[in-house]
């Protein structure tokens, strides 16, 4: 009986330690997770949710409906298999629609689908206690000109 109690206590301590680790994530981990969620949203066609996670200043450039319609015209290649966070670093950002040298996290990812794989860097900015993604400079300027940049 004593062995069972020790095993139960050990399991509870391990569970509590695991919970503590997940609640105490770093800014880099949170920024990486935010980028991963947006990529996953895009690959399953949930463009509205991706837009909801977009920086508010970039949301002013394109409505949710315009973004959904535009993204729906662009084919993503394959079914997502994995998104691996390769690197997260602080990087001042100069992108249309945001203040010059906006503090951001540059998140380098490796995306693998059943058809292709690529490495890319995305940027997220802290807004109201959460990480919001930003458009590229070219996409932000394109949306400022019209509903769907070429």
Protein backbone atom coordinates (compact mmCIF):
# COMPACT_ATOMS: atom_id res chain seq x y z
CA UNK A 1 0.00 0.00 0.00
CA UNK A 2 2.86 2.39 0.80
CA UNK A 3 4.35 1.78 -2.67
CA UNK A 4 1.04 2.71 -4.31
CA UNK A 5 0.89 5.95 -2.30
CA UNK A 6 4.45 6.81 -3.32
CA UNK A 7 3.62 6.18 -6.99
CA UNK A 8 0.47 8.32 -6.77
CA UNK A 9 2.33 11.17 -5.05
CA UNK A 10 5.15 10.94 -7.61
CA UNK A 11 2.64 11.03 -10.47
CA UNK A 12 0.87 14.06 -8.97
CA UNK A 13 4.16 15.90 -8.44
CA UNK A 14 5.17 15.19 -12.05
CA UNK A 15 1.78 16.36 -13.30
CA UNK A 16 2.00 19.56 -11.27
CA UNK A 17 5.52 20.21 -12.53
CA UNK A 18 4.38 19.73 -16.11
CA UNK A 19 1.50 22.16 -15.61
CA UNK A 20 3.83 24.73 -14.07
CA UNK A 21 6.15 24.50 -17.05
CA UNK A 22 3.37 25.09 -19.56
CA UNK A 23 2.00 28.09 -17.64
CA UNK A 24 5.41 29.75 -17.39
CA UNK A 25 6.26 30.07 -21.07
CA UNK A 26 8.72 32.67 -22.29
CA UNK A 27 7.96 35.47 -24.72
CA UNK A 28 9.89 33.57 -27.40
CA UNK A 29 7.79 30.44 -26.85
CA UNK A 30 4.56 32.44 -26.92
CA UNK A 31 5.62 34.30 -30.07
CA UNK A 32 6.49 31.01 -31.77
CA UNK A 33 3.17 29.47 -30.74
CA UNK A 34 1.32 32.51 -32.13
CA UNK A 35 3.00 32.13 -35.53
CA UNK A 36 2.33 28.39 -35.53
CA UNK A 37 -1.41 29.00 -34.89
CA UNK A 38 -1.65 31.47 -37.79
CA UNK A 39 0.10 29.08 -40.18
CA UNK A 40 -2.23 26.27 -39.12
CA UNK A 41 -5.26 28.56 -39.54
CA UNK A 42 -4.14 29.43 -43.06
CA UNK A 43 -3.54 25.81 -44.08
CA UNK A 44 -6.99 24.64 -42.96
CA UNK A 45 -8.64 27.59 -44.71
CA UNK A 46 -9.67 29.38 -41.51
CA UNK A 47 -8.71 32.78 -42.93
CA UNK A 48 -11.16 34.65 -40.69
CA UNK A 49 -9.44 33.39 -37.56
CA UNK A 50 -6.05 34.23 -39.09
CA UNK A 51 -7.35 37.78 -39.72
CA UNK A 52 -8.58 37.95 -36.10
CA UNK A 53 -4.95 37.36 -35.01
CA UNK A 54 -3.61 40.08 -37.37
CA UNK A 55 -2.19 43.31 -35.91
CA UNK A 56 -5.00 45.89 -35.48
CA UNK A 57 -3.21 48.46 -37.64
CA UNK A 58 -3.07 45.95 -40.48
CA UNK A 59 -6.71 45.01 -39.90
CA UNK A 60 -7.44 48.64 -40.83
CA UNK A 61 -5.92 47.99 -44.26
CA UNK A 62 -8.15 45.02 -45.11
CA UNK A 63 -11.51 43.92 -43.77
CA UNK A 64 -12.02 40.38 -42.51
CA UNK A 65 -14.21 39.56 -45.52
CA UNK A 66 -11.70 41.02 -48.01
CA UNK A 67 -8.92 39.01 -46.39
CA UNK A 68 -10.98 35.81 -46.46
CA UNK A 69 -11.91 36.35 -50.12
CA UNK A 70 -8.35 37.20 -51.12
CA UNK A 71 -6.75 34.28 -49.28
CA UNK A 72 -9.39 31.92 -50.64
CA UNK A 73 -8.06 32.67 -54.14
CA UNK A 74 -4.51 31.65 -53.21
CA UNK A 75 -3.90 27.92 -53.12
CA UNK A 76 -1.79 26.60 -50.26
CA UNK A 77 0.26 23.57 -51.26
CA UNK A 78 -0.68 20.38 -49.50
CA UNK A 79 -1.92 19.29 -46.12
CA UNK A 80 0.16 20.57 -43.24
CA UNK A 81 2.23 17.92 -41.49
CA UNK A 82 4.40 20.02 -39.19
CA UNK A 83 5.45 23.52 -38.22
CA UNK A 84 8.84 23.55 -36.54
CA UNK A 85 10.01 26.72 -34.78
CA UNK A 86 13.69 27.09 -35.73
CA UNK A 87 14.54 30.45 -34.16
CA UNK A 88 12.92 33.38 -32.37
CA UNK A 89 14.72 36.69 -31.99
CA UNK A 90 13.98 40.31 -31.21
CA UNK A 91 13.94 42.42 -34.36
CA UNK A 92 12.84 46.04 -34.92
CA UNK A 93 10.33 46.02 -37.75
CA UNK A 94 9.80 48.53 -40.57
CA UNK A 95 6.54 47.57 -42.26
CA UNK A 96 3.94 49.78 -43.91
CA UNK A 97 1.13 50.68 -41.51
CA UNK A 98 3.21 50.29 -38.32
CA UNK A 99 5.44 52.77 -36.53
CA UNK A 100 9.07 52.69 -37.72
CA UNK A 101 11.23 50.21 -35.81
CA UNK A 102 8.26 48.57 -34.11
CA UNK A 103 9.59 46.03 -31.57
CA UNK A 104 8.80 42.55 -32.81
CA UNK A 105 9.77 38.91 -32.61
CA UNK A 106 11.08 37.38 -35.83
CA UNK A 107 10.00 33.74 -35.85
CA UNK A 108 11.80 31.44 -38.30
CA UNK A 109 9.81 28.29 -39.08
CA UNK A 110 10.12 25.16 -41.17
CA UNK A 111 6.73 24.17 -42.60
CA UNK A 112 6.28 20.68 -44.00
CA UNK A 113 3.23 19.55 -45.94
CA UNK A 114 2.50 16.34 -47.80
CA UNK A 115 3.56 18.15 -51.02
CA UNK A 116 6.33 20.57 -50.09
CA UNK A 117 8.51 22.03 -47.35
CA UNK A 118 9.79 25.55 -46.87
CA UNK A 119 11.52 27.79 -44.36
CA UNK A 120 10.27 31.32 -43.75
CA UNK A 121 10.36 34.09 -41.16
CA UNK A 122 7.20 35.69 -39.79
CA UNK A 123 6.90 38.64 -37.40
CA UNK A 124 4.66 39.08 -34.39
CA UNK A 125 4.15 42.14 -32.21
CA UNK A 126 2.82 42.32 -28.64
CA UNK A 127 -0.62 43.95 -28.55
CA UNK A 128 -2.77 43.97 -25.41
CA UNK A 129 -1.02 41.02 -23.80
CA UNK A 130 -1.00 38.77 -26.88
CA UNK A 131 1.17 38.28 -29.94
CA UNK A 132 -0.36 39.55 -33.22
CA UNK A 133 1.13 38.75 -36.62
CA UNK A 134 1.87 41.39 -39.22
CA UNK A 135 1.70 41.44 -42.99
CA UNK A 136 4.86 41.74 -45.02
CA UNK A 137 5.64 45.25 -46.22
CA UNK A 138 4.62 44.34 -49.78
CA UNK A 139 1.33 42.76 -48.66
CA UNK A 140 0.50 45.71 -46.38
CA UNK A 141 1.12 48.18 -49.23
CA UNK A 142 -0.88 45.97 -51.59
CA UNK A 143 -3.89 45.80 -49.26
CA UNK A 144 -3.66 49.60 -48.83
CA UNK A 145 -4.11 49.92 -52.61
CA UNK A 146 -6.93 47.41 -52.99
CA UNK A 147 -8.72 44.37 -51.61
CA UNK A 148 -6.31 41.70 -52.89
CA UNK A 149 -2.66 42.38 -53.74
CA UNK A 150 -1.29 40.52 -56.74
